[in-house]
C-alpha atoms as a PDB file:
ATOM      1  CA  UNK A   1     -47.498 -12.634   2.288  1.00  0.00           C
ATOM      2  CA  UNK A   2     -48.108  -9.127   3.581  1.00  0.00           C
ATOM      3  CA  UNK A   3     -46.423  -7.648   6.655  1.00  0.00           C
ATOM      4  CA  UNK A   4     -47.281  -4.186   7.942  1.00  0.00           C
ATOM      5  CA  UNK A   5     -44.523  -3.229  10.375  1.00  0.00           C
ATOM      6  CA  UNK A   6     -44.344  -0.186  12.656  1.00  0.00           C
ATOM      7  CA  UNK A   7     -40.905   0.612  14.086  1.00  0.00           C
ATOM      8  CA  UNK A   8     -40.758   3.369  16.700  1.00  0.00           C
ATOM      9  CA  UNK A   9     -38.407   4.943  19.238  1.00  0.00           C
ATOM     10  CA  UNK A  10     -36.348   8.027  20.006  1.00  0.00           C
ATOM     11  CA  UNK A  11     -34.208   9.636  17.325  1.00  0.00           C
ATOM     12  CA  UNK A  12     -30.727   8.142  17.440  1.00  0.00           C
ATOM     13  CA  UNK A  13     -31.861   4.624  18.384  1.00  0.00           C
ATOM     14  CA  UNK A  14     -31.546   3.294  14.839  1.00  0.00           C
ATOM     15  CA  UNK A  15     -35.273   3.164  14.151  1.00  0.00           C
ATOM     16  CA  UNK A  16     -34.929   4.390  10.571  1.00  0.00           C
ATOM     17  CA  UNK A  17     -32.039   2.053   9.773  1.00  0.00           C
ATOM     18  CA  UNK A  18     -34.093  -0.873  11.109  1.00  0.00           C
ATOM     19  CA  UNK A  19     -36.961  -0.002   8.774  1.00  0.00           C
ATOM     20  CA  UNK A  20     -34.731   0.644   5.795  1.00  0.00           C
ATOM     21  CA  UNK A  21     -32.935  -2.674   6.206  1.00  0.00           C
ATOM     22  CA  UNK A  22     -36.279  -4.501   6.099  1.00  0.00           C
ATOM     23  CA  UNK A  23     -37.505  -2.605   3.028  1.00  0.00           C
ATOM     24  CA  UNK A  24     -34.206  -3.039   1.169  1.00  0.00           C
ATOM     25  CA  UNK A  25     -34.125  -6.737   2.101  1.00  0.00           C
ATOM     26  CA  UNK A  26     -37.519  -7.171   0.470  1.00  0.00           C
ATOM     27  CA  UNK A  27     -36.283  -5.571  -2.721  1.00  0.00           C
ATOM     28  CA  UNK A  28     -33.076  -7.630  -2.578  1.00  0.00           C
ATOM     29  CA  UNK A  29     -35.232 -10.781  -2.371  1.00  0.00           C
ATOM     30  CA  UNK A  30     -37.292  -9.509  -5.316  1.00  0.00           C
ATOM     31  CA  UNK A  31     -40.506  -8.896  -3.423  1.00  0.00           C
ATOM     32  CA  UNK A  32     -42.134  -5.550  -2.726  1.00  0.00           C
ATOM     33  CA  UNK A  33     -40.839  -3.387   0.097  1.00  0.00           C
ATOM     34  CA  UNK A  34     -41.758   0.129   1.162  1.00  0.00           C
ATOM     35  CA  UNK A  35     -40.317   2.342   3.908  1.00  0.00           C
ATOM     36  CA  UNK A  36     -42.225   5.442   5.050  1.00  0.00           C
ATOM     37  CA  UNK A  37     -40.456   7.571   7.725  1.00  0.00           C
ATOM     38  CA  UNK A  38     -41.994   9.974  10.241  1.00  0.00           C
ATOM     39  CA  UNK A  39     -39.883  12.253  12.426  1.00  0.00           C
ATOM     40  CA  UNK A  40     -40.599  14.422  15.428  1.00  0.00           C
ATOM     41  CA  UNK A  41     -39.324  18.022  15.412  1.00  0.00           C
ATOM     42  CA  UNK A  42     -36.046  17.129  17.160  1.00  0.00           C
ATOM     43  CA  UNK A  43     -33.184  15.250  15.529  1.00  0.00           C
ATOM     44  CA  UNK A  44     -31.746  13.301  18.464  1.00  0.00           C
ATOM     45  CA  UNK A  45     -33.906  12.350  21.407  1.00  0.00           C
ATOM     46  CA  UNK A  46     -37.116  13.303  19.611  1.00  0.00           C
ATOM     47  CA  UNK A  47     -39.633  10.783  18.413  1.00  0.00           C
ATOM     48  CA  UNK A  48     -39.100   8.800  15.251  1.00  0.00           C
ATOM     49  CA  UNK A  49     -41.100   6.051  13.646  1.00  0.00           C
ATOM     50  CA  UNK A  50     -41.442   4.415  10.300  1.00  0.00           C
ATOM     51  CA  UNK A  51     -43.892   2.184   8.567  1.00  0.00           C
ATOM     52  CA  UNK A  52     -42.565  -0.725   6.534  1.00  0.00           C
ATOM     53  CA  UNK A  53     -44.597  -2.886   4.211  1.00  0.00           C
ATOM     54  CA  UNK A  54     -43.213  -6.155   2.887  1.00  0.00           C
ATOM     55  CA  UNK A  55     -45.464  -7.937   0.424  1.00  0.00           C
ATOM     56  CA  UNK A  56     -45.426 -10.372  -2.452  1.00  0.00           C
ATOM     57  CA  UNK A  57     -48.210  -8.270  -3.995  1.00  0.00           C
ATOM     58  CA  UNK A  58     -48.143  -4.727  -5.324  1.00  0.00           C
ATOM     59  CA  UNK A  59     -48.168  -2.089  -2.566  1.00  0.00           C
ATOM     60  CA  UNK A  60     -50.741   0.573  -3.336  1.00  0.00           C
ATOM     61  CA  UNK A  61     -50.376   2.831  -0.304  1.00  0.00           C
ATOM     62  CA  UNK A  62     -47.538   3.654   2.115  1.00  0.00           C
ATOM     63  CA  UNK A  63     -49.975   3.758   5.039  1.00  0.00           C
ATOM     64  CA  UNK A  64     -51.911   1.138   6.944  1.00  0.00           C
ATOM     65  CA  UNK A  65     -54.466   1.201   9.733  1.00  0.00           C
ATOM     66  CA  UNK A  66     -53.187  -1.688  11.841  1.00  0.00           C
ATOM     67  CA  UNK A  67     -49.691  -3.126  12.028  1.00  0.00           C
ATOM     68  CA  UNK A  68     -49.033  -6.855  12.038  1.00  0.00           C
ATOM     69  CA  UNK A  69     -45.816  -6.157  13.936  1.00  0.00           C
ATOM     70  CA  UNK A  70     -44.680  -3.387  16.289  1.00  0.00           C
ATOM     71  CA  UNK A  71     -41.020  -2.948  17.191  1.00  0.00           C
ATOM     72  CA  UNK A  72     -40.884  -0.451  20.087  1.00  0.00           C
ATOM     73  CA  UNK A  73     -37.514   0.844  21.227  1.00  0.00           C
ATOM     74  CA  UNK A  74     -38.892   2.877  24.170  1.00  0.00           C
ATOM     75  CA  UNK A  75     -41.948   3.192  26.397  1.00  0.00           C
ATOM     76  CA  UNK A  76     -43.533   6.282  24.760  1.00  0.00           C
ATOM     77  CA  UNK A  77     -43.454   4.482  21.392  1.00  0.00           C
ATOM     78  CA  UNK A  78     -44.976   1.359  22.889  1.00  0.00           C
ATOM     79  CA  UNK A  79     -47.778   3.394  24.436  1.00  0.00           C
ATOM     80  CA  UNK A  80     -48.446   5.304  21.233  1.00  0.00           C
ATOM     81  CA  UNK A  81     -48.673   2.298  18.893  1.00  0.00           C
ATOM     82  CA  UNK A  82     -49.567  -0.786  20.982  1.00  0.00           C
ATOM     83  CA  UNK A  83     -53.294  -0.509  20.335  1.00  0.00           C
ATOM     84  CA  UNK A  84     -52.704  -0.282  16.591  1.00  0.00           C
ATOM     85  CA  UNK A  85     -51.372  -3.841  16.388  1.00  0.00           C
ATOM     86  CA  UNK A  86     -53.757  -6.322  14.810  1.00  0.00           C
ATOM     87  CA  UNK A  87     -55.131  -9.327  16.673  1.00  0.00           C
ATOM     88  CA  UNK A  88     -52.589 -12.135  16.694  1.00  0.00           C
ATOM     89  CA  UNK A  89     -49.896  -9.568  15.886  1.00  0.00           C
ATOM     90  CA  UNK A  90     -46.400  -9.278  17.323  1.00  0.00           C
ATOM     91  CA  UNK A  91     -45.170  -6.647  19.777  1.00  0.00           C
ATOM     92  CA  UNK A  92     -41.396  -6.706  20.171  1.00  0.00           C
ATOM     93  CA  UNK A  93     -40.085  -4.247  22.748  1.00  0.00           C
ATOM     94  CA  UNK A  94     -36.767  -3.153  24.219  1.00  0.00           C
ATOM     95  CA  UNK A  95     -36.867  -4.551  27.756  1.00  0.00           C
ATOM     96  CA  UNK A  96     -33.677  -2.639  28.621  1.00  0.00           C
ATOM     97  CA  UNK A  97     -35.797   0.529  28.630  1.00  0.00           C
ATOM     98  CA  UNK A  98     -39.310  -0.878  29.139  1.00  0.00           C
ATOM     99  CA  UNK A  99     -39.177  -2.581  32.521  1.00  0.00           C
ATOM    100  CA  UNK A 100     -42.843  -3.564  32.845  1.00  0.00           C
ATOM    101  CA  UNK A 101     -44.030  -6.834  31.342  1.00  0.00           C
ATOM    102  CA  UNK A 102     -46.104  -6.101  28.273  1.00  0.00           C
ATOM    103  CA  UNK A 103     -49.195  -8.196  27.759  1.00  0.00           C
ATOM    104  CA  UNK A 104     -51.735  -7.402  25.073  1.00  0.00           C
ATOM    105  CA  UNK A 105     -54.502  -9.960  24.779  1.00  0.00           C
ATOM    106  CA  UNK A 106     -54.403 -11.880  21.513  1.00  0.00           C
ATOM    107  CA  UNK A 107     -50.912 -10.656  20.613  1.00  0.00           C
ATOM    108  CA  UNK A 108     -47.469 -12.171  21.075  1.00  0.00           C
ATOM    109  CA  UNK A 109     -45.423  -9.783  23.245  1.00  0.00           C
ATOM    110  CA  UNK A 110     -41.689 -10.305  23.612  1.00  0.00           C
ATOM    111  CA  UNK A 111     -39.179  -8.167  25.488  1.00  0.00           C
ATOM    112  CA  UNK A 112     -35.569  -8.115  24.280  1.00  0.00           C
ATOM    113  CA  UNK A 113     -32.801  -6.475  26.355  1.00  0.00           C
ATOM    114  CA  UNK A 114     -31.400  -4.775  23.246  1.00  0.00           C
ATOM    115  CA  UNK A 115     -29.375  -2.098  25.042  1.00  0.00           C
ATOM    116  CA  UNK A 116     -27.867  -4.692  27.376  1.00  0.00           C
ATOM    117  CA  UNK A 117     -26.858  -6.877  24.429  1.00  0.00           C
ATOM    118  CA  UNK A 118     -25.275  -3.893  22.673  1.00  0.00           C
ATOM    119  CA  UNK A 119     -23.390  -2.862  25.832  1.00  0.00           C
ATOM    120  CA  UNK A 120     -22.128  -6.433  26.194  1.00  0.00           C
ATOM    121  CA  UNK A 121     -20.765  -6.191  22.637  1.00  0.00           C
ATOM    122  CA  UNK A 122     -19.056  -2.880  23.446  1.00  0.00           C
ATOM    123  CA  UNK A 123     -21.080  -0.726  21.041  1.00  0.00           C
ATOM    124  CA  UNK A 124     -24.341   0.803  22.287  1.00  0.00           C
ATOM    125  CA  UNK A 125     -25.305   1.782  18.738  1.00  0.00           C
ATOM    126  CA  UNK A 126     -26.031  -1.825  17.728  1.00  0.00           C
ATOM    127  CA  UNK A 127     -29.060  -2.185  20.005  1.00  0.00           C
ATOM    128  CA  UNK A 128     -31.225  -1.838  16.898  1.00  0.00           C
ATOM    129  CA  UNK A 129     -29.464  -4.820  15.342  1.00  0.00           C
ATOM    130  CA  UNK A 130     -30.050  -6.908  18.474  1.00  0.00           C
ATOM    131  CA  UNK A 131     -33.743  -6.107  18.005  1.00  0.00           C
ATOM    132  CA  UNK A 132     -33.387  -6.961  14.307  1.00  0.00           C
ATOM    133  CA  UNK A 133     -32.024 -10.394  15.168  1.00  0.00           C
ATOM    134  CA  UNK A 134     -34.873 -11.045  17.585  1.00  0.00           C
ATOM    135  CA  UNK A 135     -37.398  -9.837  15.015  1.00  0.00           C
ATOM    136  CA  UNK A 136     -35.976 -12.040  12.275  1.00  0.00           C
ATOM    137  CA  UNK A 137     -35.878 -15.087  14.545  1.00  0.00           C
ATOM    138  CA  UNK A 138     -39.554 -14.592  15.380  1.00  0.00           C
ATOM    139  CA  UNK A 139     -40.794 -13.796  11.873  1.00  0.00           C
ATOM    140  CA  UNK A 140     -38.309 -15.604   9.598  1.00  0.00           C
ATOM    141  CA  UNK A 141     -38.954 -12.796   7.119  1.00  0.00           C
ATOM    142  CA  UNK A 142     -35.451 -12.770   5.580  1.00  0.00           C
ATOM    143  CA  UNK A 143     -32.381 -14.998   5.509  1.00  0.00           C
ATOM    144  CA  UNK A 144     -29.121 -14.145   7.261  1.00  0.00           C
ATOM    145  CA  UNK A 145     -27.469 -13.887   3.847  1.00  0.00           C
ATOM    146  CA  UNK A 146     -29.950 -11.249   2.675  1.00  0.00           C
ATOM    147  CA  UNK A 147     -29.682  -9.181   5.859  1.00  0.00           C
ATOM    148  CA  UNK A 148     -25.875  -9.299   5.837  1.00  0.00           C
ATOM    149  CA  UNK A 149     -25.804  -8.145   2.202  1.00  0.00           C
ATOM    150  CA  UNK A 150     -28.122  -5.228   2.990  1.00  0.00           C
ATOM    151  CA  UNK A 151     -26.240  -4.138   6.112  1.00  0.00           C
ATOM    152  CA  UNK A 152     -22.943  -4.346   4.234  1.00  0.00           C
ATOM    153  CA  UNK A 153     -24.378  -2.131   1.508  1.00  0.00           C
ATOM    154  CA  UNK A 154     -25.979   0.201   4.067  1.00  0.00           C
ATOM    155  CA  UNK A 155     -22.695   0.696   5.974  1.00  0.00           C
ATOM    156  CA  UNK A 156     -20.668   1.261   2.811  1.00  0.00           C
ATOM    157  CA  UNK A 157     -16.880   1.360   2.692  1.00  0.00           C
ATOM    158  CA  UNK A 158     -16.583   4.124   5.279  1.00  0.00           C
ATOM    159  CA  UNK A 159     -18.270   2.065   8.012  1.00  0.00           C
ATOM    160  CA  UNK A 160     -17.358  -1.415   6.756  1.00  0.00           C
ATOM    161  CA  UNK A 161     -15.414  -2.035   9.976  1.00  0.00           C
ATOM    162  CA  UNK A 162     -18.772  -2.061  11.836  1.00  0.00           C
ATOM    163  CA  UNK A 163     -20.206  -5.009   9.876  1.00  0.00           C
ATOM    164  CA  UNK A 164     -18.904  -7.645  12.309  1.00  0.00           C
ATOM    165  CA  UNK A 165     -20.349  -6.010  15.443  1.00  0.00           C
ATOM    166  CA  UNK A 166     -23.687  -5.473  13.683  1.00  0.00           C
ATOM    167  CA  UNK A 167     -23.837  -9.131  12.640  1.00  0.00           C
ATOM    168  CA  UNK A 168     -22.830 -10.213  16.166  1.00  0.00           C
ATOM    169  CA  UNK A 169     -25.698  -8.130  17.576  1.00  0.00           C
ATOM    170  CA  UNK A 170     -28.126  -9.754  15.151  1.00  0.00           C
ATOM    171  CA  UNK A 171     -26.928 -13.205  16.187  1.00  0.00           C
ATOM    172  CA  UNK A 172     -27.215 -12.326  19.897  1.00  0.00           C
ATOM    173  CA  UNK A 173     -30.795 -11.145  19.322  1.00  0.00           C
ATOM    174  CA  UNK A 174     -31.606 -14.395  17.522  1.00  0.00           C
ATOM    175  CA  UNK A 175     -29.966 -16.448  20.277  1.00  0.00           C
ATOM    176  CA  UNK A 176     -31.955 -14.580  22.923  1.00  0.00           C
ATOM    177  CA  UNK A 177     -35.231 -15.591  21.243  1.00  0.00           C
ATOM    178  CA  UNK A 178     -34.054 -19.188  20.773  1.00  0.00           C
ATOM    179  CA  UNK A 179     -33.152 -19.363  24.477  1.00  0.00           C
ATOM    180  CA  UNK A 180     -36.588 -17.988  25.412  1.00  0.00           C
ATOM    181  CA  UNK A 181     -38.242 -20.685  23.343  1.00  0.00           C
ATOM    182  CA  UNK A 182     -40.825 -18.227  21.998  1.00  0.00           C
ATOM    183  CA  UNK A 183     -42.289 -18.786  18.549  1.00  0.00           C
ATOM    184  CA  UNK A 184     -44.448 -16.564  16.392  1.00  0.00           C
ATOM    185  CA  UNK A 185     -44.340 -17.340  12.669  1.00  0.00           C
END
């Protein structure tokens, strides 16, 4: 198993947390995980992306040419990275902000209304977790138990009260994919 994942969006959309959760989940499950961040010059509203590698083999480099999976939180990120997704790869995009249908020949493209799901839950900051749920439902990379343990650890005691809304967002993202009837893995 080897997954090269590119996660991209604006600063403040939870791009880095998304990538870190995946990398930490790999380590939690005793496989190899690597998170490699890249920031634009601005803190909020600027560009942010990260590369995540999850593998059952040793990871020798934090970089990769083509991603197996792209998670794009906004249109500029989709445009920048869509052509760097391998054939038969997955492009998951935030259809709340990317209104056009995305279709890349040979790739599975799925839009998730992440911002709408987060607004429905009353916390716009969990849009990244709605995308996480959709991603996990499509890839089956990690169990719910693993992800919950990582998010709990990531939030810490100070933000422990946000665990429930984060887990609800993940479940809503999963349910959205189930309702679509789309499969990938």
